[in-house]
Amino acid sequence: MELFSHRYFRVLISVLVTLVCLYLVGLLRGFFSDIWAVLQVLVIPFVGALVVAYILRPVVELLVKRKVPRSVAILLIYFSFALFFVVVVMNLIPLLSRQVTELINRAPVFVHQADKWIDNLTAQKQYLPDSLRQGVEGAINQVETSITKQTGQILQMITSTVNAIFIAFVIPFLVFYMLKDARALGRVVVHLAPKHYQDDVKRVLIGIDEMLGRYVRGQLLIMLIVGILTYAGLLVIRMPYAITLASFMGIADLIPYIGSFIGAVPAVILALFISPQMAIKVLIVNIIVQQLEGNLVSPQIMGRTMDMHPMLIVAALLVAGNLGGVLGLIVAIPIVAVVKVVIRQVKEIREERLHIE
C-alpha cells in the first residue's frame, strides 16, 4: 500500500512540476518568440535540408556499397532528381496551375455569394433574441476584420516568397554536405565528449539518427498516400479542383492529429459554394481518408516509431505552435521523440553499467 501511494505521489509531483514549467514558459513567451524569430532564419533551411537528406541517404548508401564514390553518388542522385522534377513539373504543374488560376478567377463569385449569405443573415438577425443577435453581429465584424487583415498581408506574402526562393537555392548545398560529411560530423561530436563517454554518445547519436530517418521517410510516405486517397475520393464525387485540394490535404497531414482537419477546411468551404450535398460528400471523403490513415496507413508505415501517448503529442503541439507557429507544429513531434530517445538510451546505458557492476 505504501508503494502504491508512493508511486501516485511521484506522478502527482511530476504533473505539478510539468504545469509549473508550462506556466514559466508562458511567462517567457515574448522572450522565446524573439529568440525564435532569429533562429527561424537558420532552422528553416536546415530542417528542409535534413528532411531531403534523410530521404536520399538510403539511395546514396546503396550506391556507395556498389563502390560508387560518395560525391559521385550524390551528384547522380541530384541529376536523377532534377530530371524527375522536370518531368513532374511538365505534367503536373500545368494541371495544378490551371485549377489554381480558375479558382482565383472564380473568387469574385465566391465572395459575392458569401456577401449574399451575410446580407441574408443580417436581414434575419432582427428576429433573433438580443444575445444571439449580438453574437451574430460580432461574428460578422470578425469576418470583415479578418478579410481586411488578410488583404494587408499581401506584401508580407511577397517577402516570404522571396525568402522561400532563397531557401530553395540554399537547401541543395546543405543536403550535399550533409550526405557527404554526415559521418565525419558525427565523429567530431563523439570526440568532443570525454573519452570514457564516447561510446555512449555514439550510441545515443545512432538512436537519434535511426528514429529521425524512420519518422521523416514514413511521414512523407503517409502524406503521399493521403494525397492520393483524397484525390481519388474527390474525383469520385466530381469535386472541382481535386488535385489542388488533395495536394493541400497531403501537405497539411504533416501536422499530427490536427493536420487532417486543417486540410479538410478549404475543400468543405468550396463545396458549400457548390451545394450542401457536395459539402456532405466532401466531409464523407475526408472522414474515410482519415479513418484509413489512422487505422491502416499510419500503423503499417510508422509502426511504433514514435511510441508516444496522444496527450504528450497534443501538449507538444500546443506549446510548439504557440512559440513557433506552423514550423513549431511541424518540428514538435520529432523534437519530443529525440528527447525521448536520449532519455531511453541514457537509462539503458545506466542499467547496463549497474548490471555489470
Protein backbone atom coordinates (compact mmCIF):
# COMPACT_ATOMS: atom_id res chain seq x y z
CA MET A 1 0.00 0.00 0.00
CA GLU A 2 2.89 2.33 0.83
CA LEU A 3 4.49 1.56 -2.53
CA PHE A 4 1.18 2.23 -4.28
CA SER A 5 0.81 5.60 -2.50
CA HIS A 6 4.45 6.47 -3.19
CA ARG A 7 4.03 5.82 -6.93
CA TYR A 8 0.97 8.07 -7.17
CA PHE A 9 2.75 10.74 -5.13
CA ARG A 10 5.57 10.74 -7.68
CA VAL A 11 3.06 11.02 -10.54
CA LEU A 12 1.37 13.95 -8.78
CA ILE A 13 4.70 15.71 -8.27
CA SER A 14 5.60 15.14 -11.94
CA VAL A 15 2.29 16.64 -13.10
CA LEU A 16 2.72 19.66 -10.81
CA VAL A 17 6.30 20.25 -12.00
CA THR A 18 5.15 19.99 -15.63
CA LEU A 19 2.38 22.53 -15.04
CA VAL A 20 4.80 24.92 -13.32
CA CYS A 21 7.24 24.59 -16.25
CA LEU A 22 4.45 25.32 -18.74
CA TYR A 23 3.44 28.37 -16.69
CA LEU A 24 7.03 29.65 -16.68
CA VAL A 25 7.27 29.07 -20.44
CA GLY A 26 4.09 31.14 -20.81
CA LEU A 27 5.63 33.98 -18.79
CA LEU A 28 8.72 33.91 -21.02
CA ARG A 29 6.71 33.66 -24.21
CA GLY A 30 7.85 37.06 -25.51
CA PHE A 31 11.49 36.21 -24.84
CA PHE A 32 11.23 32.86 -26.61
CA SER A 33 9.38 34.48 -29.53
CA ASP A 34 12.22 36.98 -30.04
CA ILE A 35 14.81 34.20 -29.98
CA TRP A 36 12.70 32.07 -32.35
CA ALA A 37 12.42 34.98 -34.81
CA VAL A 38 16.23 34.98 -35.08
CA LEU A 39 16.71 31.19 -35.07
CA GLN A 40 13.99 30.69 -37.68
CA VAL A 41 16.31 32.06 -40.36
CA LEU A 42 18.69 29.17 -39.65
CA VAL A 43 16.20 26.50 -38.62
CA ILE A 44 14.04 26.51 -41.77
CA PRO A 45 16.78 25.72 -44.33
CA PHE A 46 18.48 23.21 -42.02
CA VAL A 47 15.21 21.38 -41.28
CA GLY A 48 14.40 21.30 -45.01
CA ALA A 49 17.88 20.04 -45.84
CA LEU A 50 17.69 17.41 -43.08
CA VAL A 51 14.41 16.08 -44.46
CA VAL A 52 15.78 15.81 -48.00
CA ALA A 53 18.99 14.21 -46.73
CA TYR A 54 17.06 11.52 -44.85
CA ILE A 55 15.03 10.79 -47.99
CA LEU A 56 18.07 10.46 -50.25
CA ARG A 57 20.51 8.79 -47.86
CA PRO A 58 19.34 5.16 -48.36
CA VAL A 59 19.95 5.52 -52.10
CA VAL A 60 23.35 7.14 -51.50
CA GLU A 61 24.39 4.33 -49.15
CA LEU A 62 23.24 1.74 -51.68
CA LEU A 63 25.40 3.30 -54.40
CA VAL A 64 28.38 3.62 -52.02
CA LYS A 65 28.13 -0.11 -51.24
CA ARG A 66 28.39 -0.70 -55.01
CA LYS A 67 31.78 1.07 -54.99
CA VAL A 68 30.50 4.39 -56.31
CA PRO A 69 32.33 7.35 -54.70
CA ARG A 70 30.04 9.19 -52.27
CA SER A 71 30.33 12.57 -54.05
CA VAL A 72 29.62 10.96 -57.42
CA ALA A 73 26.64 9.08 -55.94
CA ILE A 74 25.19 12.31 -54.56
CA LEU A 75 25.62 14.10 -57.90
CA LEU A 76 23.99 11.17 -59.75
CA ILE A 77 21.01 11.36 -57.40
CA TYR A 78 20.83 15.12 -57.86
CA PHE A 79 20.77 14.70 -61.64
CA SER A 80 18.11 11.95 -61.44
CA PHE A 81 16.02 14.02 -59.06
CA ALA A 82 16.31 17.08 -61.29
CA LEU A 83 15.20 15.01 -64.29
CA PHE A 84 12.27 13.56 -62.31
CA PHE A 85 11.34 17.04 -61.10
CA VAL A 86 11.30 18.40 -64.65
CA VAL A 87 9.03 15.55 -65.79
CA VAL A 88 6.66 16.14 -62.86
CA VAL A 89 6.63 19.90 -63.48
CA MET A 90 5.88 19.44 -67.18
CA ASN A 91 2.96 17.10 -66.46
CA LEU A 92 1.53 18.05 -63.07
CA ILE A 93 2.19 21.77 -62.70
CA PRO A 94 0.11 22.85 -65.75
CA LEU A 95 -2.92 20.98 -64.33
CA LEU A 96 -2.35 22.42 -60.86
CA SER A 97 -1.75 25.90 -62.27
CA ARG A 98 -4.91 25.72 -64.37
CA GLN A 99 -7.00 24.76 -61.34
CA VAL A 100 -5.46 27.48 -59.15
CA THR A 101 -5.99 30.09 -61.89
CA GLU A 102 -9.59 29.01 -62.34
CA LEU A 103 -10.08 29.15 -58.58
CA ILE A 104 -8.67 32.69 -58.45
CA ASN A 105 -10.85 33.78 -61.36
CA ARG A 106 -13.94 32.43 -59.61
CA ALA A 107 -13.01 34.09 -56.31
CA PRO A 108 -15.26 37.13 -57.01
CA VAL A 109 -18.21 34.76 -57.49
CA PHE A 110 -17.48 33.11 -54.16
CA VAL A 111 -17.11 36.49 -52.46
CA HIS A 112 -20.40 37.70 -53.97
CA GLN A 113 -22.17 34.58 -52.76
CA ALA A 114 -20.66 34.99 -49.30
CA ASP A 115 -21.84 38.61 -49.27
CA LYS A 116 -25.35 37.44 -50.10
CA TRP A 117 -25.24 34.98 -47.22
CA ILE A 118 -24.07 37.72 -44.86
CA ASP A 119 -26.75 40.11 -46.14
CA ASN A 120 -29.45 37.47 -45.64
CA LEU A 121 -28.12 36.73 -42.18
CA THR A 122 -28.05 40.45 -41.36
CA ALA A 123 -31.62 40.88 -42.60
CA GLN A 124 -32.83 37.99 -40.45
CA LYS A 125 -30.97 38.92 -37.28
CA GLN A 126 -33.69 41.38 -36.19
CA TYR A 127 -35.90 38.37 -35.49
CA LEU A 128 -33.29 36.79 -33.23
CA PRO A 129 -33.03 37.22 -29.44
CA ASP A 130 -30.81 40.10 -28.30
CA SER A 131 -27.97 37.91 -27.05
CA LEU A 132 -27.92 35.81 -30.24
CA ARG A 133 -28.18 38.92 -32.44
CA GLN A 134 -25.15 40.46 -30.69
CA GLY A 135 -23.23 37.23 -31.26
CA VAL A 136 -24.10 37.28 -34.98
CA GLU A 137 -23.04 40.92 -35.29
CA GLY A 138 -19.76 40.14 -33.53
CA ALA A 139 -19.10 37.19 -35.86
CA ILE A 140 -19.79 39.31 -38.95
CA ASN A 141 -17.45 42.04 -37.68
CA GLN A 142 -14.75 39.45 -37.04
CA VAL A 143 -15.09 38.09 -40.59
CA GLU A 144 -14.79 41.60 -42.05
CA THR A 145 -11.79 42.38 -39.86
CA SER A 146 -10.12 39.11 -40.87
CA ILE A 147 -10.60 39.88 -44.57
CA THR A 148 -9.04 43.32 -44.06
CA LYS A 149 -6.04 41.82 -42.28
CA GLN A 150 -5.54 39.20 -44.98
CA THR A 151 -5.57 41.90 -47.65
CA GLY A 152 -2.95 43.85 -45.75
CA GLN A 153 -0.65 40.83 -45.61
CA ILE A 154 -0.11 40.60 -49.38
CA LEU A 155 3.25 42.44 -49.14
CA GLN A 156 4.33 40.10 -46.36
CA MET A 157 3.44 37.12 -48.56
CA ILE A 158 5.60 38.52 -51.37
CA THR A 159 8.52 38.90 -48.94
CA SER A 160 8.01 35.34 -47.72
CA THR A 161 8.02 34.10 -51.32
CA VAL A 162 11.39 35.79 -51.93
CA ASN A 163 12.76 34.18 -48.77
CA ALA A 164 11.39 30.80 -49.86
CA ILE A 165 13.17 31.10 -53.22
CA PHE A 166 16.43 31.90 -51.44
CA ILE A 167 15.98 28.90 -49.11
CA ALA A 168 15.24 26.68 -52.11
CA PHE A 169 18.66 27.57 -53.55
CA VAL A 170 20.47 27.07 -50.21
CA ILE A 171 18.97 23.67 -49.34
CA PRO A 172 20.67 21.63 -52.14
CA PHE A 173 24.10 22.79 -50.94
CA LEU A 174 23.28 21.88 -47.34
CA VAL A 175 21.95 18.49 -48.43
CA PHE A 176 25.14 17.77 -50.38
CA TYR A 177 27.39 18.36 -47.38
CA MET A 178 25.01 16.53 -45.01
CA LEU A 179 25.14 13.45 -47.23
CA LYS A 180 28.87 13.74 -47.88
CA ASP A 181 30.19 14.61 -44.42
CA ALA A 182 27.48 13.30 -42.03
CA ARG A 183 29.71 10.57 -40.60
CA ALA A 184 32.63 12.96 -40.21
CA LEU A 185 30.42 15.42 -38.34
CA GLY A 186 29.18 12.57 -36.13
CA ARG A 187 32.78 11.59 -35.30
CA VAL A 188 33.55 15.21 -34.39
CA VAL A 189 30.60 15.31 -31.99
CA VAL A 190 31.66 11.97 -30.44
CA HIS A 191 35.26 13.15 -29.93
CA LEU A 192 34.03 16.27 -28.14
CA ALA A 193 32.82 14.05 -25.30
CA PRO A 194 35.18 12.70 -22.61
CA LYS A 195 36.91 9.52 -23.75
CA HIS A 196 35.09 7.15 -21.37
CA TYR A 197 31.72 8.52 -22.59
CA GLN A 198 32.42 8.46 -26.34
CA ASP A 199 30.86 5.04 -26.96
CA ASP A 200 27.73 6.12 -25.08
CA VAL A 201 27.47 9.35 -27.08
CA LYS A 202 27.89 7.39 -30.32
CA ARG A 203 25.10 5.02 -29.27
CA VAL A 204 22.75 7.91 -28.47
CA LEU A 205 23.51 9.63 -31.80
CA ILE A 206 22.85 6.40 -33.72
CA GLY A 207 19.49 6.03 -31.93
CA ILE A 208 18.51 9.61 -32.78
CA ASP A 209 19.60 9.19 -36.38
CA GLU A 210 17.62 5.97 -36.87
CA MET A 211 14.48 7.41 -35.26
CA LEU A 212 14.57 10.63 -37.32
CA GLY A 213 15.20 8.69 -40.52
CA ARG A 214 12.22 6.40 -39.94
CA TYR A 215 10.00 9.32 -38.99
CA VAL A 216 10.87 11.55 -41.95
CA ARG A 217 10.58 8.84 -44.59
CA GLY A 218 7.45 7.35 -43.02
CA GLN A 219 5.70 10.71 -42.62
CA LEU A 220 6.36 11.75 -46.21
CA LEU A 221 5.06 8.40 -47.48
CA ILE A 222 1.90 8.87 -45.38
CA MET A 223 1.44 12.38 -46.81
CA LEU A 224 1.74 11.00 -50.35
CA ILE A 225 -0.79 8.22 -49.68
CA VAL A 226 -3.25 10.65 -48.02
CA GLY A 227 -2.98 12.99 -51.00
CA ILE A 228 -3.61 10.16 -53.48
CA LEU A 229 -6.57 8.79 -51.50
CA THR A 230 -8.10 12.26 -51.16
CA TYR A 231 -7.62 12.94 -54.88
CA ALA A 232 -9.31 9.64 -55.77
CA GLY A 233 -12.23 10.35 -53.43
CA LEU A 234 -12.73 13.90 -54.76
CA LEU A 235 -12.68 12.58 -58.33
CA VAL A 236 -15.37 10.02 -57.47
CA ILE A 237 -17.72 12.71 -56.12
CA ARG A 238 -16.80 15.04 -59.04
CA MET A 239 -15.47 17.80 -56.80
CA PRO A 240 -13.77 20.60 -58.78
CA TYR A 241 -10.12 21.49 -58.11
CA ALA A 242 -9.46 17.94 -56.89
CA ILE A 243 -5.68 17.97 -57.43
CA THR A 244 -5.24 21.32 -55.66
CA LEU A 245 -7.37 20.36 -52.65
CA ALA A 246 -5.78 16.90 -52.40
CA SER A 247 -2.28 18.43 -52.52
CA PHE A 248 -3.17 20.78 -49.68
CA MET A 249 -4.66 17.89 -47.71
CA GLY A 250 -1.48 15.84 -48.08
CA ILE A 251 0.77 18.73 -47.06
CA ALA A 252 -1.42 19.61 -44.06
CA ASP A 253 -1.17 16.00 -42.88
CA LEU A 254 2.42 16.82 -41.92
CA ILE A 255 0.96 18.22 -38.67
CA PRO A 256 -0.09 15.27 -36.47
CA TYR A 257 -3.71 14.94 -35.30
CA ILE A 258 -4.92 18.41 -36.35
CA GLY A 259 -3.41 18.47 -39.86
CA SER A 260 -6.19 16.36 -41.34
CA PHE A 261 -8.83 18.78 -40.02
CA ILE A 262 -6.90 21.83 -41.30
CA GLY A 263 -6.52 20.19 -44.71
CA ALA A 264 -10.25 19.49 -44.96
CA VAL A 265 -11.34 23.09 -44.32
CA PRO A 266 -10.71 24.56 -47.84
CA ALA A 267 -12.45 21.61 -49.53
CA VAL A 268 -15.51 21.86 -47.29
CA ILE A 269 -15.77 25.65 -47.74
CA LEU A 270 -15.51 25.39 -51.53
CA ALA A 271 -18.05 22.56 -51.55
CA LEU A 272 -20.50 24.76 -49.62
CA PHE A 273 -20.40 27.26 -52.50
CA ILE A 274 -21.45 24.45 -54.86
CA SER A 275 -24.18 22.82 -52.74
CA PRO A 276 -24.80 21.47 -49.24
CA GLN A 277 -24.91 17.97 -50.74
CA MET A 278 -21.40 18.40 -52.16
CA ALA A 279 -20.16 19.63 -48.77
CA ILE A 280 -21.55 16.46 -47.15
CA LYS A 281 -19.85 14.30 -49.81
CA VAL A 282 -16.52 16.07 -49.20
CA LEU A 283 -16.88 15.53 -45.46
CA ILE A 284 -17.56 11.83 -46.03
CA VAL A 285 -14.47 11.55 -48.27
CA ASN A 286 -12.29 13.22 -45.64
CA ILE A 287 -13.68 11.04 -42.85
CA ILE A 288 -12.98 7.89 -44.88
CA VAL A 289 -9.42 9.06 -45.67
CA GLN A 290 -8.79 9.93 -42.01
CA GLN A 291 -10.05 6.52 -40.87
CA LEU A 292 -7.88 4.73 -43.44
CA GLU A 293 -4.87 6.77 -42.39
CA GLY A 294 -5.38 6.33 -38.66
CA ASN A 295 -6.27 2.64 -38.67
CA LEU A 296 -4.38 1.24 -41.66
CA VAL A 297 -1.78 3.51 -43.28
CA SER A 298 -0.03 5.05 -40.24
CA PRO A 299 0.16 1.85 -38.16
CA GLN A 300 1.61 -0.10 -41.10
CA ILE A 301 4.18 2.53 -42.10
CA MET A 302 5.15 4.16 -38.81
CA GLY A 303 4.51 1.19 -36.52
CA ARG A 304 5.76 2.16 -33.06
CA THR A 305 8.36 4.62 -34.34
CA MET A 306 7.09 7.43 -32.10
CA ASP A 307 5.56 5.31 -29.32
CA MET A 308 4.22 8.42 -27.56
CA HIS A 309 0.98 8.94 -25.68
CA PRO A 310 -1.56 11.12 -27.56
CA MET A 311 -1.75 13.53 -24.59
CA LEU A 312 2.00 14.12 -24.81
CA ILE A 313 1.70 14.77 -28.56
CA VAL A 314 -1.17 17.24 -28.09
CA ALA A 315 0.73 19.07 -25.31
CA ALA A 316 3.83 19.31 -27.50
CA LEU A 317 1.76 20.68 -30.40
CA LEU A 318 0.11 23.30 -28.18
CA VAL A 319 3.40 24.57 -26.77
CA ALA A 320 5.34 24.43 -30.06
CA GLY A 321 2.50 26.01 -32.05
CA ASN A 322 2.28 28.83 -29.54
CA LEU A 323 6.00 29.51 -29.68
CA GLY A 324 6.93 28.68 -33.27
CA GLY A 325 3.75 28.84 -35.35
CA VAL A 326 3.41 26.40 -38.24
CA LEU A 327 7.09 25.43 -38.19
CA GLY A 328 6.78 24.73 -34.48
CA LEU A 329 3.86 22.38 -35.15
CA ILE A 330 5.92 20.53 -37.76
CA VAL A 331 9.07 20.02 -35.68
CA ALA A 332 7.35 19.50 -32.30
CA ILE A 333 6.94 15.72 -32.52
CA PRO A 334 10.46 14.96 -33.83
CA ILE A 335 11.97 17.12 -31.06
CA VAL A 336 9.97 15.34 -28.36
CA ALA A 337 10.88 11.99 -29.94
CA VAL A 338 14.59 12.94 -29.89
CA VAL A 339 14.35 13.85 -26.20
CA LYS A 340 12.61 10.55 -25.51
CA VAL A 341 15.30 8.59 -27.40
CA VAL A 342 18.04 10.34 -25.42
CA ILE A 343 16.32 9.60 -22.10
CA ARG A 344 15.73 5.96 -23.05
CA GLN A 345 19.29 5.42 -24.26
CA VAL A 346 20.80 7.04 -21.16
CA LYS A 347 18.56 4.91 -18.95
CA GLU A 348 19.59 1.72 -20.79
CA ILE A 349 23.27 2.62 -20.52
CA ARG A 350 22.97 3.25 -16.77
CA GLU A 351 21.12 -0.06 -16.25
CA GLU A 352 23.78 -1.96 -18.23
CA ARG A 353 26.55 -0.43 -16.13
CA LEU A 354 24.74 -1.23 -12.88
CA HIS A 355 24.27 -4.80 -14.11
CA ILE A 356 27.98 -5.13 -14.92
CA GLU A 357 28.95 -3.76 -11.51
